[in-house]
Amino acid sequence: MNIVISLTAIIAILGVAVVYGADLVAAVVLRPVYAGVDERTLVQAVGRGHYFGDRRMPVPGILGVVFTALTAIGAFIAGMPLPGALASAALLLLVIWLAMFVRISKPINVRLSAAAMADEVPADARALQDRWESIITLRAVIQGLAVLLLCLVLVLA
């Protein structure tokens, strides 16, 4: 059973790490880049990024969440309460991240993507980006903590 828990944890880590990496790059690299460009460039870069990201990122994100849940369930079934608790904590963090994404980030992604594809610049483009960026560091921290917790599962499983 330990091998199953390890395998589900590894797949979970790979999925979560993709989202973590994207959020971390956005927080550390892209924020200052976007701060230094005009609104048209901002809308085109951010909007097109979200256009493709919102279509491609759900696959690793869903795999990360599903395999984190499977890791938690498997650990508890195998009588491994600490790894089960760690995976459950990672799952809770991912659910919190998802709620933040759906409530704040996703609606902004949709607006900026539509504007970019229509070659328009919303009057509130900078405010939308500021709102999106207001949670990106927290999103990256949440994903990073989930990766860390899942790595601890591997150590203990």
C-alpha atoms as a PDB file:
ATOM      1  CA  MET A   1       0.000   0.000   0.000  1.00  0.00           C
ATOM      2  CA  ASN A   2       2.918   2.356   0.667  1.00  0.00           C
ATOM      3  CA  ILE A   3       3.868   2.217  -3.009  1.00  0.00           C
ATOM      4  CA  VAL A   4       0.322   3.221  -4.004  1.00  0.00           C
ATOM      5  CA  ILE A   5       0.371   6.150  -1.593  1.00  0.00           C
ATOM      6  CA  SER A   6       3.791   7.192  -2.877  1.00  0.00           C
ATOM      7  CA  LEU A   7       2.645   6.996  -6.495  1.00  0.00           C
ATOM      8  CA  THR A   8      -0.506   9.008  -5.876  1.00  0.00           C
ATOM      9  CA  ALA A   9       1.545  11.566  -3.934  1.00  0.00           C
ATOM     10  CA  ILE A  10       4.054  11.848  -6.788  1.00  0.00           C
ATOM     11  CA  ILE A  11       1.313  12.422  -9.366  1.00  0.00           C
ATOM     12  CA  ALA A  12      -0.309  14.943  -7.024  1.00  0.00           C
ATOM     13  CA  ILE A  13       3.003  16.756  -6.587  1.00  0.00           C
ATOM     14  CA  LEU A  14       3.558  16.917 -10.336  1.00  0.00           C
ATOM     15  CA  GLY A  15       0.093  18.396 -10.921  1.00  0.00           C
ATOM     16  CA  VAL A  16       0.261  20.864  -8.054  1.00  0.00           C
ATOM     17  CA  ALA A  17       3.822  21.864  -8.963  1.00  0.00           C
ATOM     18  CA  VAL A  18       2.718  22.992 -12.425  1.00  0.00           C
ATOM     19  CA  VAL A  19       0.178  25.400 -10.925  1.00  0.00           C
ATOM     20  CA  TYR A  20       2.608  26.442  -8.186  1.00  0.00           C
ATOM     21  CA  GLY A  21       5.255  27.244 -10.784  1.00  0.00           C
ATOM     22  CA  ALA A  22       2.851  29.313 -12.858  1.00  0.00           C
ATOM     23  CA  ASP A  23       1.648  31.255  -9.815  1.00  0.00           C
ATOM     24  CA  LEU A  24       5.193  31.792  -8.587  1.00  0.00           C
ATOM     25  CA  VAL A  25       6.354  33.126 -11.951  1.00  0.00           C
ATOM     26  CA  ALA A  26       3.350  35.446 -12.050  1.00  0.00           C
ATOM     27  CA  ALA A  27       4.075  36.724  -8.531  1.00  0.00           C
ATOM     28  CA  VAL A  28       7.831  37.110  -8.827  1.00  0.00           C
ATOM     29  CA  VAL A  29       8.505  37.855 -12.492  1.00  0.00           C
ATOM     30  CA  LEU A  30       5.379  38.996 -14.301  1.00  0.00           C
ATOM     31  CA  ARG A  31       4.050  41.501 -11.753  1.00  0.00           C
ATOM     32  CA  PRO A  32       6.934  43.925 -12.244  1.00  0.00           C
ATOM     33  CA  VAL A  33       6.887  43.326 -16.003  1.00  0.00           C
ATOM     34  CA  TYR A  34       3.216  44.228 -16.283  1.00  0.00           C
ATOM     35  CA  ALA A  35       3.686  47.253 -14.025  1.00  0.00           C
ATOM     36  CA  GLY A  36       6.042  48.729 -16.615  1.00  0.00           C
ATOM     37  CA  VAL A  37       3.924  48.416 -19.737  1.00  0.00           C
ATOM     38  CA  ASP A  38       1.071  50.485 -21.138  1.00  0.00           C
ATOM     39  CA  GLU A  39      -2.538  49.300 -20.817  1.00  0.00           C
ATOM     40  CA  ARG A  40      -2.833  47.991 -24.394  1.00  0.00           C
ATOM     41  CA  THR A  41       0.276  45.847 -23.957  1.00  0.00           C
ATOM     42  CA  LEU A  42      -0.939  44.759 -20.531  1.00  0.00           C
ATOM     43  CA  VAL A  43      -4.304  43.624 -21.888  1.00  0.00           C
ATOM     44  CA  GLN A  44      -2.751  41.813 -24.839  1.00  0.00           C
ATOM     45  CA  ALA A  45      -0.105  39.999 -22.784  1.00  0.00           C
ATOM     46  CA  VAL A  46      -2.240  39.196 -19.745  1.00  0.00           C
ATOM     47  CA  GLY A  47      -5.437  38.510 -21.672  1.00  0.00           C
ATOM     48  CA  ARG A  48      -3.794  36.150 -24.137  1.00  0.00           C
ATOM     49  CA  GLY A  49      -1.915  34.448 -21.303  1.00  0.00           C
ATOM     50  CA  HIS A  50      -5.171  33.834 -19.475  1.00  0.00           C
ATOM     51  CA  TYR A  51      -6.861  32.743 -22.690  1.00  0.00           C
ATOM     52  CA  PHE A  52      -4.397  29.886 -23.101  1.00  0.00           C
ATOM     53  CA  GLY A  53      -3.794  29.269 -19.406  1.00  0.00           C
ATOM     54  CA  ASP A  54      -7.484  28.861 -18.611  1.00  0.00           C
ATOM     55  CA  ARG A  55      -7.722  26.226 -21.319  1.00  0.00           C
ATOM     56  CA  ARG A  56      -4.551  24.304 -20.500  1.00  0.00           C
ATOM     57  CA  MET A  57      -3.935  24.638 -16.760  1.00  0.00           C
ATOM     58  CA  PRO A  58      -7.056  22.797 -15.553  1.00  0.00           C
ATOM     59  CA  VAL A  59      -5.544  19.437 -16.536  1.00  0.00           C
ATOM     60  CA  PRO A  60      -2.574  19.530 -14.126  1.00  0.00           C
ATOM     61  CA  GLY A  61      -4.693  21.376 -11.545  1.00  0.00           C
ATOM     62  CA  ILE A  62      -7.415  18.738 -11.550  1.00  0.00           C
ATOM     63  CA  LEU A  63      -4.841  15.927 -11.477  1.00  0.00           C
ATOM     64  CA  GLY A  64      -3.180  17.594  -8.497  1.00  0.00           C
ATOM     65  CA  VAL A  65      -6.421  17.888  -6.552  1.00  0.00           C
ATOM     66  CA  VAL A  66      -7.719  14.414  -7.419  1.00  0.00           C
ATOM     67  CA  PHE A  67      -4.437  12.676  -6.613  1.00  0.00           C
ATOM     68  CA  THR A  68      -4.032  14.671  -3.409  1.00  0.00           C
ATOM     69  CA  ALA A  69      -7.445  13.376  -2.336  1.00  0.00           C
ATOM     70  CA  LEU A  70      -6.498   9.830  -3.367  1.00  0.00           C
ATOM     71  CA  THR A  71      -3.276  10.142  -1.369  1.00  0.00           C
ATOM     72  CA  ALA A  72      -5.177  11.214   1.743  1.00  0.00           C
ATOM     73  CA  ILE A  73      -7.769   8.472   1.383  1.00  0.00           C
ATOM     74  CA  GLY A  74      -5.125   5.825   0.688  1.00  0.00           C
ATOM     75  CA  ALA A  75      -3.040   6.861   3.673  1.00  0.00           C
ATOM     76  CA  PHE A  76      -5.994   6.681   6.048  1.00  0.00           C
ATOM     77  CA  ILE A  77      -7.076   3.310   4.646  1.00  0.00           C
ATOM     78  CA  ALA A  78      -3.515   2.033   5.097  1.00  0.00           C
ATOM     79  CA  GLY A  79      -3.556   3.096   8.741  1.00  0.00           C
ATOM     80  CA  MET A  80      -1.091   5.944   8.230  1.00  0.00           C
ATOM     81  CA  PRO A  81      -2.742   8.858  10.032  1.00  0.00           C
ATOM     82  CA  LEU A  82       0.112  11.371   9.781  1.00  0.00           C
ATOM     83  CA  PRO A  83       0.565  11.079   6.003  1.00  0.00           C
ATOM     84  CA  GLY A  84      -3.237  11.083   5.712  1.00  0.00           C
ATOM     85  CA  ALA A  85      -3.467  14.269   7.751  1.00  0.00           C
ATOM     86  CA  LEU A  86      -0.693  15.920   5.727  1.00  0.00           C
ATOM     87  CA  ALA A  87      -2.369  15.042   2.432  1.00  0.00           C
ATOM     88  CA  SER A  88      -5.717  16.218   3.838  1.00  0.00           C
ATOM     89  CA  ALA A  89      -4.142  19.537   4.823  1.00  0.00           C
ATOM     90  CA  ALA A  90      -2.715  19.848   1.306  1.00  0.00           C
ATOM     91  CA  LEU A  91      -6.171  19.124  -0.097  1.00  0.00           C
ATOM     92  CA  LEU A  92      -7.721  21.808   2.119  1.00  0.00           C
ATOM     93  CA  LEU A  93      -5.146  24.311   0.853  1.00  0.00           C
ATOM     94  CA  LEU A  94      -5.943  23.381  -2.743  1.00  0.00           C
ATOM     95  CA  VAL A  95      -9.667  23.862  -2.118  1.00  0.00           C
ATOM     96  CA  ILE A  96      -8.942  27.294  -0.606  1.00  0.00           C
ATOM     97  CA  TRP A  97      -6.803  28.138  -3.637  1.00  0.00           C
ATOM     98  CA  LEU A  98      -9.584  26.991  -5.951  1.00  0.00           C
ATOM     99  CA  ALA A  99     -12.147  29.151  -4.142  1.00  0.00           C
ATOM    100  CA  MET A 100      -9.874  32.184  -4.483  1.00  0.00           C
ATOM    101  CA  PHE A 101      -9.300  31.434  -8.147  1.00  0.00           C
ATOM    102  CA  VAL A 102     -12.986  30.972  -8.961  1.00  0.00           C
ATOM    103  CA  ARG A 103     -14.139  33.994  -6.968  1.00  0.00           C
ATOM    104  CA  ILE A 104     -11.435  36.533  -7.835  1.00  0.00           C
ATOM    105  CA  SER A 105      -9.016  35.434 -10.553  1.00  0.00           C
ATOM    106  CA  LYS A 106     -11.247  33.606 -13.040  1.00  0.00           C
ATOM    107  CA  PRO A 107     -13.712  36.477 -13.657  1.00  0.00           C
ATOM    108  CA  ILE A 108     -10.776  38.808 -14.304  1.00  0.00           C
ATOM    109  CA  ASN A 109      -9.168  36.232 -16.594  1.00  0.00           C
ATOM    110  CA  VAL A 110     -12.383  36.029 -18.610  1.00  0.00           C
ATOM    111  CA  ARG A 111     -12.700  39.807 -18.952  1.00  0.00           C
ATOM    112  CA  LEU A 112      -9.096  40.390 -19.933  1.00  0.00           C
ATOM    113  CA  SER A 113      -9.073  37.417 -22.323  1.00  0.00           C
ATOM    114  CA  ALA A 114     -12.183  38.679 -24.089  1.00  0.00           C
ATOM    115  CA  ALA A 115     -10.711  42.175 -24.313  1.00  0.00           C
ATOM    116  CA  ALA A 116      -7.428  40.880 -25.739  1.00  0.00           C
ATOM    117  CA  MET A 117      -9.165  38.743 -28.349  1.00  0.00           C
ATOM    118  CA  ALA A 118     -11.404  41.666 -29.343  1.00  0.00           C
ATOM    119  CA  ASP A 119      -8.384  44.004 -29.390  1.00  0.00           C
ATOM    120  CA  GLU A 120     -10.027  46.274 -26.833  1.00  0.00           C
ATOM    121  CA  VAL A 121      -8.647  47.973 -23.746  1.00  0.00           C
ATOM    122  CA  PRO A 122     -11.144  48.155 -20.874  1.00  0.00           C
ATOM    123  CA  ALA A 123     -11.095  51.454 -19.014  1.00  0.00           C
ATOM    124  CA  ASP A 124     -10.457  49.515 -15.798  1.00  0.00           C
ATOM    125  CA  ALA A 125      -7.738  47.243 -17.231  1.00  0.00           C
ATOM    126  CA  ARG A 126      -5.080  48.318 -14.749  1.00  0.00           C
ATOM    127  CA  ALA A 127      -7.519  48.036 -11.822  1.00  0.00           C
ATOM    128  CA  LEU A 128      -8.478  44.528 -12.958  1.00  0.00           C
ATOM    129  CA  GLN A 129      -4.822  43.517 -13.100  1.00  0.00           C
ATOM    130  CA  ASP A 130      -4.160  45.090  -9.706  1.00  0.00           C
ATOM    131  CA  ARG A 131      -7.034  43.079  -8.223  1.00  0.00           C
ATOM    132  CA  TRP A 132      -5.746  39.888  -9.850  1.00  0.00           C
ATOM    133  CA  GLU A 133      -2.244  40.545  -8.545  1.00  0.00           C
ATOM    134  CA  SER A 134      -3.528  41.297  -5.043  1.00  0.00           C
ATOM    135  CA  ILE A 135      -3.884  37.557  -4.374  1.00  0.00           C
ATOM    136  CA  ILE A 136      -1.196  36.036  -6.594  1.00  0.00           C
ATOM    137  CA  THR A 137       1.456  35.897  -3.863  1.00  0.00           C
ATOM    138  CA  LEU A 138      -1.000  34.215  -1.511  1.00  0.00           C
ATOM    139  CA  ARG A 139      -2.000  31.801  -4.272  1.00  0.00           C
ATOM    140  CA  ALA A 140       1.671  30.904  -4.826  1.00  0.00           C
ATOM    141  CA  VAL A 141       2.263  30.409  -1.086  1.00  0.00           C
ATOM    142  CA  ILE A 142      -0.791  28.145  -0.829  1.00  0.00           C
ATOM    143  CA  GLN A 143       0.361  26.008  -3.756  1.00  0.00           C
ATOM    144  CA  GLY A 144       3.917  25.885  -2.381  1.00  0.00           C
ATOM    145  CA  LEU A 145       2.672  24.721   1.003  1.00  0.00           C
ATOM    146  CA  ALA A 146       0.569  22.027  -0.684  1.00  0.00           C
ATOM    147  CA  VAL A 147       3.671  20.786  -2.544  1.00  0.00           C
ATOM    148  CA  LEU A 148       5.639  20.791   0.714  1.00  0.00           C
ATOM    149  CA  LEU A 149       2.948  18.819   2.557  1.00  0.00           C
ATOM    150  CA  LEU A 150       2.784  16.274  -0.245  1.00  0.00           C
ATOM    151  CA  CYS A 151       6.580  15.917  -0.176  1.00  0.00           C
ATOM    152  CA  LEU A 152       6.340  15.209   3.548  1.00  0.00           C
ATOM    153  CA  VAL A 153       3.824  12.484   2.744  1.00  0.00           C
ATOM    154  CA  LEU A 154       6.467  10.870   0.542  1.00  0.00           C
ATOM    155  CA  VAL A 155       9.023  11.027   3.346  1.00  0.00           C
ATOM    156  CA  LEU A 156       6.636   9.422   5.828  1.00  0.00           C
ATOM    157  CA  ALA A 157       4.836   6.906   3.611  1.00  0.00           C
END
